[in-house]
């Protein structure tokens, strides 16, 4: 789930956008789910909003919030976000948007089967898999078929396969 990196106590902290609703209030900089801190109409707010299921996110600005997106002022009240975009709010430390996800075991929920890139057998609806955070390909991950954790990297890309590998990118990399 995408989120926002913000600096707290000299370290970068990632706050994930909530699944429901898919909003995160950014200004005033509270980093709270919007449902827990619903702004009043006309308030000066900045919201991270999901505009396409799991894929497209935008930042919405209302009121007099002076927002910058990758250094440029946001004048129309809306900006589509990409991974690693910088969001600047006047008087606050910079924020960074991230779409990166951690590798985790999940249930394959699609009705159409696909081929596991490691063992080449079918991945079927209901199978335990890890979907590569980098390339998105599903690998088996069960005690009998540990296709994800079998090697140090994904069968198709350079993503590390340790389930505790952490994020590939953080603002410290800047």
N, C-alpha and C. Protein backbone atom coordinates (compact mmCIF):
# COMPACT_ATOMS: atom_id res chain seq x y z
N UNK A 1 0.84 -1.17 0.00
CA UNK A 1 0.00 0.00 0.00
C UNK A 1 0.89 1.24 0.00
N UNK A 2 0.66 2.16 -0.91
CA UNK A 2 1.47 3.37 -0.98
C UNK A 2 1.41 4.18 0.30
N UNK A 3 2.36 5.07 0.46
CA UNK A 3 2.39 5.91 1.64
C UNK A 3 3.31 7.10 1.48
N UNK A 4 3.52 7.78 2.59
CA UNK A 4 4.32 9.00 2.62
C UNK A 4 5.45 8.84 3.63
N UNK A 5 6.67 9.15 3.20
CA UNK A 5 7.80 9.21 4.12
C UNK A 5 7.83 10.61 4.73
N UNK A 6 8.00 10.68 6.05
CA UNK A 6 8.23 11.97 6.70
C UNK A 6 9.32 11.78 7.74
N UNK A 7 10.04 12.86 8.01
CA UNK A 7 11.14 12.78 8.96
C UNK A 7 10.62 13.01 10.36
N UNK A 8 11.03 12.13 11.27
CA UNK A 8 10.61 12.23 12.66
C UNK A 8 11.79 11.83 13.54
N UNK A 9 12.26 12.76 14.35
CA UNK A 9 13.39 12.47 15.24
C UNK A 9 14.66 12.10 14.50
N UNK A 10 14.89 12.70 13.34
CA UNK A 10 16.09 12.44 12.58
C UNK A 10 16.05 11.17 11.74
N UNK A 11 14.92 10.46 11.74
CA UNK A 11 14.78 9.25 10.93
C UNK A 11 13.55 9.36 10.04
N UNK A 12 13.61 8.68 8.90
CA UNK A 12 12.48 8.67 7.98
C UNK A 12 11.50 7.60 8.40
N UNK A 13 10.23 7.95 8.44
CA UNK A 13 9.16 7.04 8.83
C UNK A 13 8.16 6.97 7.68
N UNK A 14 7.74 5.76 7.33
CA UNK A 14 6.76 5.58 6.27
C UNK A 14 5.39 5.38 6.88
N UNK A 15 4.44 6.23 6.48
CA UNK A 15 3.06 6.10 6.91
C UNK A 15 2.27 5.63 5.71
N UNK A 16 1.68 4.45 5.83
CA UNK A 16 0.92 3.86 4.72
C UNK A 16 -0.48 4.46 4.65
N UNK A 17 -0.97 4.66 3.43
CA UNK A 17 -2.35 5.08 3.23
C UNK A 17 -3.26 3.92 3.62
N UNK A 18 -4.34 4.22 4.25
CA UNK A 18 -5.26 3.18 4.70
C UNK A 18 -6.03 2.61 3.52
N UNK A 19 -6.39 1.33 3.61
CA UNK A 19 -7.17 0.68 2.55
C UNK A 19 -8.55 1.33 2.43
N UNK A 20 -9.20 1.65 3.53
CA UNK A 20 -10.55 2.17 3.49
C UNK A 20 -10.74 3.19 4.60
N UNK A 21 -10.95 4.45 4.30
CA UNK A 21 -10.88 5.02 2.96
C UNK A 21 -9.44 5.23 2.53
N UNK A 22 -9.23 5.34 1.24
CA UNK A 22 -7.87 5.49 0.72
C UNK A 22 -7.47 6.96 0.71
N UNK A 23 -7.41 7.53 1.90
CA UNK A 23 -7.04 8.93 2.07
C UNK A 23 -6.04 9.06 3.21
N UNK A 24 -5.16 10.02 3.10
CA UNK A 24 -4.24 10.33 4.18
C UNK A 24 -4.12 11.84 4.23
N UNK A 25 -4.47 12.44 5.37
CA UNK A 25 -4.39 13.89 5.50
C UNK A 25 -2.93 14.27 5.70
N UNK A 26 -2.44 15.19 4.87
CA UNK A 26 -1.06 15.62 4.96
C UNK A 26 -0.90 16.98 5.62
N UNK A 27 -1.88 17.84 5.50
CA UNK A 27 -1.77 19.17 6.07
C UNK A 27 -3.08 19.57 6.72
N UNK A 28 -3.05 20.12 7.91
CA UNK A 28 -1.82 20.33 8.66
C UNK A 28 -1.10 18.99 8.82
N UNK A 29 0.21 19.02 8.87
CA UNK A 29 1.00 17.80 8.84
C UNK A 29 0.76 16.98 10.10
N UNK A 30 -0.20 16.06 10.02
CA UNK A 30 -0.53 15.19 11.14
C UNK A 30 -0.28 13.74 10.79
N UNK A 31 -0.22 13.44 9.48
CA UNK A 31 0.01 12.10 8.99
C UNK A 31 -1.01 11.11 9.56
N UNK A 32 -2.25 11.54 9.71
CA UNK A 32 -3.31 10.68 10.21
C UNK A 32 -4.19 10.23 9.05
N UNK A 33 -4.81 9.05 9.17
CA UNK A 33 -5.82 8.70 8.17
C UNK A 33 -6.90 9.77 8.16
N UNK A 34 -7.36 10.16 6.99
CA UNK A 34 -8.33 11.24 6.87
C UNK A 34 -9.61 10.95 7.64
N UNK A 35 -10.02 9.69 7.72
CA UNK A 35 -11.24 9.34 8.44
C UNK A 35 -11.11 9.67 9.92
N UNK A 36 -9.90 9.55 10.48
CA UNK A 36 -9.68 9.83 11.89
C UNK A 36 -9.55 11.32 12.14
N UNK A 37 -9.31 12.08 11.09
CA UNK A 37 -9.11 13.51 11.25
C UNK A 37 -9.79 14.24 10.10
N UNK A 38 -11.08 14.01 9.94
CA UNK A 38 -11.81 14.58 8.81
C UNK A 38 -11.80 16.10 8.87
N UNK A 39 -11.33 16.73 7.80
CA UNK A 39 -11.29 18.19 7.78
C UNK A 39 -12.69 18.76 7.62
N UNK A 40 -12.91 19.93 8.18
CA UNK A 40 -14.20 20.60 8.01
C UNK A 40 -14.22 21.23 6.62
N UNK A 41 -15.41 21.42 6.04
CA UNK A 41 -15.48 22.02 4.70
C UNK A 41 -14.79 23.37 4.68
N UNK A 42 -14.00 23.61 3.63
CA UNK A 42 -13.30 24.87 3.47
C UNK A 42 -12.00 24.97 4.24
N UNK A 43 -11.66 23.92 5.00
CA UNK A 43 -10.43 23.95 5.79
C UNK A 43 -9.22 23.87 4.87
N UNK A 44 -8.10 24.37 5.36
CA UNK A 44 -6.85 24.26 4.62
C UNK A 44 -6.34 22.84 4.78
N UNK A 45 -6.46 22.03 3.74
CA UNK A 45 -6.08 20.63 3.84
C UNK A 45 -5.32 20.18 2.60
N UNK A 46 -4.63 19.10 2.77
CA UNK A 46 -3.91 18.44 1.70
C UNK A 46 -4.13 16.96 1.91
N UNK A 47 -4.71 16.26 0.94
CA UNK A 47 -5.06 14.85 1.07
C UNK A 47 -4.37 14.01 0.01
N UNK A 48 -3.93 12.84 0.41
CA UNK A 48 -3.43 11.83 -0.52
C UNK A 48 -4.63 10.95 -0.84
N UNK A 49 -4.99 10.84 -2.12
CA UNK A 49 -6.22 10.16 -2.51
C UNK A 49 -5.93 9.11 -3.58
N UNK A 50 -6.51 7.92 -3.38
CA UNK A 50 -6.38 6.87 -4.38
C UNK A 50 -7.41 7.14 -5.48
N UNK A 51 -6.94 7.20 -6.74
CA UNK A 51 -7.86 7.49 -7.84
C UNK A 51 -8.06 6.32 -8.78
N UNK A 52 -7.25 5.27 -8.63
CA UNK A 52 -7.42 4.04 -9.39
C UNK A 52 -6.97 2.91 -8.47
N UNK A 53 -7.76 1.88 -8.33
CA UNK A 53 -7.51 0.81 -7.36
C UNK A 53 -6.06 0.34 -7.36
N UNK A 54 -5.33 0.73 -6.30
CA UNK A 54 -3.98 0.27 -6.08
C UNK A 54 -2.91 0.83 -7.00
N UNK A 55 -3.27 1.64 -7.97
CA UNK A 55 -2.28 2.06 -8.95
C UNK A 55 -2.03 3.57 -8.98
N UNK A 56 -3.06 4.36 -9.12
CA UNK A 56 -2.89 5.80 -9.29
C UNK A 56 -3.29 6.54 -8.03
N UNK A 57 -2.44 7.49 -7.63
CA UNK A 57 -2.67 8.31 -6.45
C UNK A 57 -2.47 9.77 -6.83
N UNK A 58 -3.17 10.63 -6.11
CA UNK A 58 -3.06 12.07 -6.33
C UNK A 58 -3.00 12.78 -5.00
N UNK A 59 -2.49 13.99 -5.04
CA UNK A 59 -2.55 14.85 -3.87
C UNK A 59 -3.54 15.96 -4.22
N UNK A 60 -4.52 16.16 -3.32
CA UNK A 60 -5.52 17.20 -3.48
C UNK A 60 -5.25 18.29 -2.46
N UNK A 61 -5.33 19.53 -2.90
CA UNK A 61 -5.06 20.66 -2.04
C UNK A 61 -6.26 21.57 -2.01
N UNK A 62 -6.66 21.99 -0.80
CA UNK A 62 -7.75 22.96 -0.70
C UNK A 62 -7.33 24.08 0.24
N UNK A 63 -8.04 25.18 0.16
CA UNK A 63 -7.72 26.31 1.04
C UNK A 63 -6.41 26.96 0.63
N UNK A 64 -5.71 27.46 1.63
CA UNK A 64 -4.49 28.23 1.38
C UNK A 64 -3.22 27.44 1.65
N UNK A 65 -3.25 26.12 1.49
CA UNK A 65 -2.05 25.32 1.70
C UNK A 65 -1.09 25.58 0.54
N UNK A 66 0.12 26.03 0.86
CA UNK A 66 1.13 26.28 -0.17
C UNK A 66 1.88 24.97 -0.39
N UNK A 67 1.52 24.26 -1.45
CA UNK A 67 2.09 22.94 -1.72
C UNK A 67 3.00 23.01 -2.94
N UNK A 68 4.12 22.27 -2.85
CA UNK A 68 5.04 22.12 -3.97
C UNK A 68 5.16 20.64 -4.28
N UNK A 69 5.16 20.30 -5.56
CA UNK A 69 5.31 18.93 -6.04
C UNK A 69 6.58 18.88 -6.87
N UNK A 70 7.58 18.14 -6.37
CA UNK A 70 8.89 18.08 -7.03
C UNK A 70 9.45 19.48 -7.30
N UNK A 71 9.21 20.38 -6.36
CA UNK A 71 9.74 21.74 -6.44
C UNK A 71 8.85 22.75 -7.12
N UNK A 72 7.86 22.31 -7.88
CA UNK A 72 6.97 23.24 -8.60
C UNK A 72 5.70 23.48 -7.79
N UNK A 73 5.21 24.72 -7.76
CA UNK A 73 3.98 24.99 -7.00
C UNK A 73 2.78 24.28 -7.62
N UNK A 74 1.89 23.80 -6.75
CA UNK A 74 0.64 23.18 -7.20
C UNK A 74 -0.41 24.28 -7.18
N UNK A 75 -0.81 24.73 -8.37
CA UNK A 75 -1.74 25.85 -8.45
C UNK A 75 -3.17 25.43 -8.74
N UNK A 76 -3.38 24.27 -9.33
CA UNK A 76 -4.72 23.85 -9.71
C UNK A 76 -5.40 22.99 -8.64
N UNK A 77 -4.69 22.68 -7.54
CA UNK A 77 -5.29 21.91 -6.45
C UNK A 77 -5.20 20.41 -6.60
N UNK A 78 -4.56 19.90 -7.66
CA UNK A 78 -4.47 18.46 -7.89
C UNK A 78 -3.16 18.14 -8.59
N UNK A 79 -2.50 17.09 -8.13
CA UNK A 79 -1.30 16.58 -8.79
C UNK A 79 -1.30 15.07 -8.72
N UNK A 80 -1.06 14.41 -9.86
CA UNK A 80 -0.91 12.96 -9.89
C UNK A 80 0.51 12.65 -9.39
N UNK A 81 0.62 11.60 -8.56
CA UNK A 81 1.90 11.28 -7.93
C UNK A 81 2.54 10.04 -8.54
N UNK A 82 3.87 10.03 -8.54
CA UNK A 82 4.67 8.88 -8.93
C UNK A 82 5.57 8.50 -7.77
N UNK A 83 6.08 7.28 -7.80
CA UNK A 83 6.99 6.81 -6.77
C UNK A 83 8.18 7.77 -6.62
N UNK A 84 8.51 8.12 -5.39
CA UNK A 84 9.63 8.98 -5.00
C UNK A 84 9.38 10.46 -5.24
N UNK A 85 8.15 10.88 -5.52
CA UNK A 85 7.85 12.30 -5.68
C UNK A 85 8.01 13.03 -4.36
N UNK A 86 8.54 14.25 -4.43
CA UNK A 86 8.68 15.11 -3.24
C UNK A 86 7.45 16.00 -3.12
N UNK A 87 6.95 16.10 -1.91
CA UNK A 87 5.81 16.96 -1.62
C UNK A 87 6.27 17.95 -0.56
N UNK A 88 6.21 19.23 -0.88
CA UNK A 88 6.63 20.26 0.07
C UNK A 88 5.45 21.08 0.53
N UNK A 89 5.32 21.22 1.84
CA UNK A 89 4.28 22.05 2.42
C UNK A 89 4.99 23.15 3.19
N UNK A 90 4.64 24.40 2.89
CA UNK A 90 5.33 25.55 3.48
C UNK A 90 5.41 25.42 5.00
N UNK A 91 6.62 25.61 5.52
CA UNK A 91 6.83 25.57 6.96
C UNK A 91 7.05 24.19 7.53
N UNK A 92 7.09 23.16 6.69
CA UNK A 92 7.27 21.79 7.16
C UNK A 92 8.39 21.10 6.40
N UNK A 93 8.95 20.06 7.01
CA UNK A 93 9.99 19.26 6.36
C UNK A 93 9.38 18.58 5.13
N UNK A 94 10.20 18.29 4.12
CA UNK A 94 9.66 17.65 2.91
C UNK A 94 9.10 16.25 3.19
N UNK A 95 8.14 15.87 2.38
CA UNK A 95 7.54 14.55 2.41
C UNK A 95 7.85 13.87 1.09
N UNK A 96 7.88 12.53 1.08
CA UNK A 96 8.13 11.79 -0.15
C UNK A 96 7.09 10.71 -0.30
N UNK A 97 6.47 10.63 -1.49
CA UNK A 97 5.46 9.63 -1.80
C UNK A 97 6.15 8.35 -2.25
N UNK A 98 5.63 7.20 -1.83
CA UNK A 98 6.21 5.92 -2.23
C UNK A 98 5.11 4.92 -2.57
N UNK A 99 5.29 4.21 -3.67
CA UNK A 99 4.36 3.14 -4.04
C UNK A 99 4.95 1.77 -3.73
N UNK A 100 6.17 1.76 -3.18
CA UNK A 100 6.84 0.49 -2.92
C UNK A 100 6.13 -0.31 -1.84
N UNK A 101 6.07 -1.61 -2.04
CA UNK A 101 5.47 -2.51 -1.07
C UNK A 101 6.50 -3.54 -0.63
N UNK A 102 6.30 -4.09 0.55
CA UNK A 102 7.16 -5.15 1.06
C UNK A 102 6.68 -6.49 0.54
N UNK A 103 7.60 -7.41 0.32
CA UNK A 103 7.23 -8.77 -0.08
C UNK A 103 6.51 -9.44 1.09
N UNK A 104 5.41 -10.10 0.80
CA UNK A 104 4.66 -10.82 1.84
C UNK A 104 3.86 -11.95 1.20
N UNK A 105 3.60 -12.97 1.98
CA UNK A 105 2.81 -14.11 1.50
C UNK A 105 1.35 -13.71 1.50
N UNK A 106 0.68 -14.01 0.40
CA UNK A 106 -0.75 -13.71 0.25
C UNK A 106 -1.42 -14.83 -0.53
N UNK A 107 -2.71 -14.81 -0.56
CA UNK A 107 -3.48 -15.80 -1.31
C UNK A 107 -3.68 -15.30 -2.73
N UNK A 108 -3.36 -16.14 -3.70
CA UNK A 108 -3.56 -15.77 -5.11
C UNK A 108 -5.06 -15.69 -5.36
N UNK A 109 -5.55 -14.50 -5.71
CA UNK A 109 -6.99 -14.26 -5.76
C UNK A 109 -7.57 -14.23 -7.17
N UNK A 110 -6.76 -14.47 -8.17
CA UNK A 110 -7.27 -14.41 -9.54
C UNK A 110 -7.86 -15.75 -9.96
N UNK A 111 -8.87 -15.70 -10.82
CA UNK A 111 -9.51 -16.92 -11.30
C UNK A 111 -8.68 -17.61 -12.38
N UNK A 112 -7.92 -16.85 -13.13
CA UNK A 112 -7.08 -17.40 -14.19
C UNK A 112 -5.71 -17.74 -13.61
N UNK A 113 -5.25 -18.94 -13.88
CA UNK A 113 -3.93 -19.34 -13.37
C UNK A 113 -2.82 -18.71 -14.20
N UNK A 114 -1.64 -18.64 -13.58
CA UNK A 114 -0.43 -18.14 -14.26
C UNK A 114 0.68 -19.14 -13.99
N UNK A 115 1.79 -18.98 -14.66
CA UNK A 115 2.93 -19.87 -14.47
C UNK A 115 3.90 -19.23 -13.47
N UNK A 116 4.33 -20.01 -12.50
CA UNK A 116 5.35 -19.56 -11.55
C UNK A 116 6.67 -19.48 -12.31
N UNK A 117 7.37 -18.36 -12.24
CA UNK A 117 8.61 -18.24 -13.01
C UNK A 117 9.75 -19.11 -12.49
N UNK A 118 9.67 -19.59 -11.26
CA UNK A 118 10.75 -20.41 -10.70
C UNK A 118 10.55 -21.89 -11.05
N UNK A 119 9.38 -22.46 -10.71
CA UNK A 119 9.17 -23.90 -10.91
C UNK A 119 8.41 -24.22 -12.20
N UNK A 120 7.86 -23.18 -12.83
CA UNK A 120 7.13 -23.30 -14.10
C UNK A 120 5.79 -24.04 -13.99
N UNK A 121 5.36 -24.38 -12.78
CA UNK A 121 4.04 -25.00 -12.65
C UNK A 121 2.99 -23.91 -12.41
N UNK A 122 1.74 -24.31 -12.47
CA UNK A 122 0.65 -23.35 -12.37
C UNK A 122 0.50 -22.77 -10.97
N UNK A 123 0.22 -21.47 -10.92
CA UNK A 123 -0.21 -20.80 -9.71
C UNK A 123 -1.71 -20.65 -9.87
N UNK A 124 -2.46 -21.25 -8.96
CA UNK A 124 -3.93 -21.28 -9.07
C UNK A 124 -4.59 -20.45 -7.99
N UNK A 125 -5.85 -20.14 -8.24
CA UNK A 125 -6.67 -19.41 -7.26
C UNK A 125 -6.59 -20.12 -5.90
N UNK A 126 -6.26 -19.35 -4.85
CA UNK A 126 -6.17 -19.91 -3.51
C UNK A 126 -4.79 -20.34 -3.09
N UNK A 127 -3.82 -20.40 -4.02
CA UNK A 127 -2.45 -20.78 -3.67
C UNK A 127 -1.78 -19.68 -2.85
N UNK A 128 -0.88 -20.07 -1.95
CA UNK A 128 -0.06 -19.11 -1.19
C UNK A 128 1.08 -18.67 -2.09
N UNK A 129 1.20 -17.36 -2.29
CA UNK A 129 2.20 -16.81 -3.19
C UNK A 129 2.84 -15.56 -2.58
N UNK A 130 3.95 -15.16 -3.16
CA UNK A 130 4.51 -13.84 -2.94
C UNK A 130 4.53 -13.18 -4.31
N UNK A 131 3.92 -12.01 -4.38
CA UNK A 131 3.93 -11.20 -5.60
C UNK A 131 5.13 -10.28 -5.50
N UNK A 132 6.06 -10.37 -6.42
CA UNK A 132 7.27 -9.57 -6.37
C UNK A 132 6.92 -8.08 -6.30
N UNK A 133 7.43 -7.35 -5.30
CA UNK A 133 7.14 -5.92 -5.20
C UNK A 133 7.68 -5.10 -6.36
N UNK A 134 8.68 -5.61 -7.05
CA UNK A 134 9.29 -4.86 -8.14
C UNK A 134 8.64 -5.15 -9.49
N UNK A 135 8.52 -6.42 -9.86
CA UNK A 135 7.97 -6.76 -11.18
C UNK A 135 6.52 -7.26 -11.14
N UNK A 136 6.02 -7.62 -9.95
CA UNK A 136 4.62 -8.00 -9.80
C UNK A 136 4.28 -9.45 -10.10
N UNK A 137 5.26 -10.27 -10.43
CA UNK A 137 5.01 -11.66 -10.80
C UNK A 137 4.83 -12.53 -9.55
N UNK A 138 3.84 -13.42 -9.59
CA UNK A 138 3.53 -14.30 -8.46
C UNK A 138 4.41 -15.54 -8.47
N UNK A 139 5.01 -15.84 -7.29
CA UNK A 139 5.82 -17.04 -7.07
C UNK A 139 5.16 -17.86 -5.97
N UNK A 140 5.17 -19.17 -6.06
CA UNK A 140 4.69 -20.02 -4.97
C UNK A 140 5.49 -19.72 -3.70
N UNK A 141 4.85 -19.84 -2.54
CA UNK A 141 5.60 -19.76 -1.28
C UNK A 141 4.87 -20.57 -0.22
N UNK A 142 5.16 -21.87 -0.22
CA UNK A 142 4.64 -22.81 0.76
C UNK A 142 5.81 -23.66 1.25
N UNK A 143 5.65 -24.42 2.32
CA UNK A 143 6.75 -25.30 2.76
C UNK A 143 7.18 -26.28 1.66
N UNK A 144 6.23 -26.72 0.83
CA UNK A 144 6.55 -27.67 -0.25
C UNK A 144 7.15 -26.98 -1.48
N UNK A 145 6.72 -25.75 -1.75
CA UNK A 145 7.18 -24.99 -2.91
C UNK A 145 7.58 -23.60 -2.45
N UNK A 146 8.81 -23.46 -2.07
CA UNK A 146 9.29 -22.16 -1.63
C UNK A 146 9.96 -21.41 -2.79
N UNK A 147 9.21 -21.23 -3.85
CA UNK A 147 9.75 -20.64 -5.07
C UNK A 147 10.24 -19.20 -4.86
N UNK A 148 9.58 -18.43 -4.00
CA UNK A 148 10.01 -17.05 -3.76
C UNK A 148 11.33 -17.02 -2.99
N UNK A 149 11.42 -17.75 -1.91
CA UNK A 149 12.61 -17.67 -1.05
C UNK A 149 13.70 -18.66 -1.45
N UNK A 150 13.51 -19.42 -2.51
CA UNK A 150 14.47 -20.42 -2.97
C UNK A 150 15.83 -19.80 -3.31
N UNK A 151 15.81 -18.65 -3.97
CA UNK A 151 17.04 -17.97 -4.37
C UNK A 151 17.09 -16.58 -3.74
N UNK A 152 18.22 -15.91 -3.88
CA UNK A 152 18.39 -14.59 -3.26
C UNK A 152 17.61 -13.49 -3.95
N UNK A 153 17.26 -13.68 -5.23
CA UNK A 153 16.51 -12.67 -5.95
C UNK A 153 15.33 -13.30 -6.68
N UNK A 154 14.39 -12.47 -7.06
CA UNK A 154 13.22 -12.88 -7.85
C UNK A 154 13.70 -13.60 -9.10
N UNK A 155 12.89 -14.52 -9.61
CA UNK A 155 13.26 -15.27 -10.81
C UNK A 155 13.33 -14.38 -12.06
N UNK A 156 12.70 -13.19 -12.00
CA UNK A 156 12.66 -12.34 -13.19
C UNK A 156 13.34 -10.98 -13.04
N UNK A 157 13.65 -10.57 -11.81
CA UNK A 157 14.26 -9.25 -11.63
C UNK A 157 15.22 -9.28 -10.44
N UNK A 158 15.73 -8.13 -10.05
CA UNK A 158 16.75 -8.05 -9.00
C UNK A 158 16.20 -7.87 -7.60
N UNK A 159 14.88 -8.01 -7.40
CA UNK A 159 14.27 -7.85 -6.08
C UNK A 159 14.77 -8.94 -5.13
N UNK A 160 15.25 -8.53 -3.93
CA UNK A 160 15.67 -9.50 -2.91
C UNK A 160 14.45 -10.29 -2.43
N UNK A 161 14.64 -11.58 -2.16
CA UNK A 161 13.52 -12.45 -1.82
C UNK A 161 13.35 -12.72 -0.33
N UNK A 162 14.22 -12.22 0.51
CA UNK A 162 14.02 -12.40 1.94
C UNK A 162 12.75 -11.67 2.34
N UNK A 163 11.88 -12.34 3.09
CA UNK A 163 10.62 -11.72 3.48
C UNK A 163 10.82 -10.55 4.44
N UNK A 164 11.99 -10.45 5.04
CA UNK A 164 12.30 -9.32 5.91
C UNK A 164 13.32 -8.38 5.28
N UNK A 165 13.37 -8.37 3.94
CA UNK A 165 14.39 -7.59 3.22
C UNK A 165 14.21 -6.08 3.39
N UNK A 166 13.04 -5.62 3.69
CA UNK A 166 12.81 -4.18 3.83
C UNK A 166 12.58 -3.52 2.48
N UNK A 167 12.56 -2.20 2.51
CA UNK A 167 12.29 -1.42 1.31
C UNK A 167 13.56 -1.23 0.49
N UNK A 168 13.41 -1.16 -0.83
CA UNK A 168 14.55 -0.92 -1.71
C UNK A 168 14.93 0.56 -1.70
N UNK A 169 13.97 1.47 -1.47
CA UNK A 169 14.24 2.90 -1.53
C UNK A 169 13.68 3.60 -0.29
N UNK A 170 14.45 4.52 0.26
CA UNK A 170 13.99 5.43 1.30
C UNK A 170 14.59 6.80 0.99
N UNK A 171 14.08 7.87 1.55
CA UNK A 171 14.63 9.20 1.27
C UNK A 171 16.10 9.35 1.68
N UNK A 172 16.64 8.48 2.53
CA UNK A 172 18.06 8.53 2.87
C UNK A 172 18.92 8.35 1.62
N UNK A 173 18.34 7.71 0.58
CA UNK A 173 19.08 7.46 -0.65
C UNK A 173 19.32 8.74 -1.47
N UNK A 174 18.63 9.82 -1.10
CA UNK A 174 18.76 11.08 -1.85
C UNK A 174 20.05 11.78 -1.53
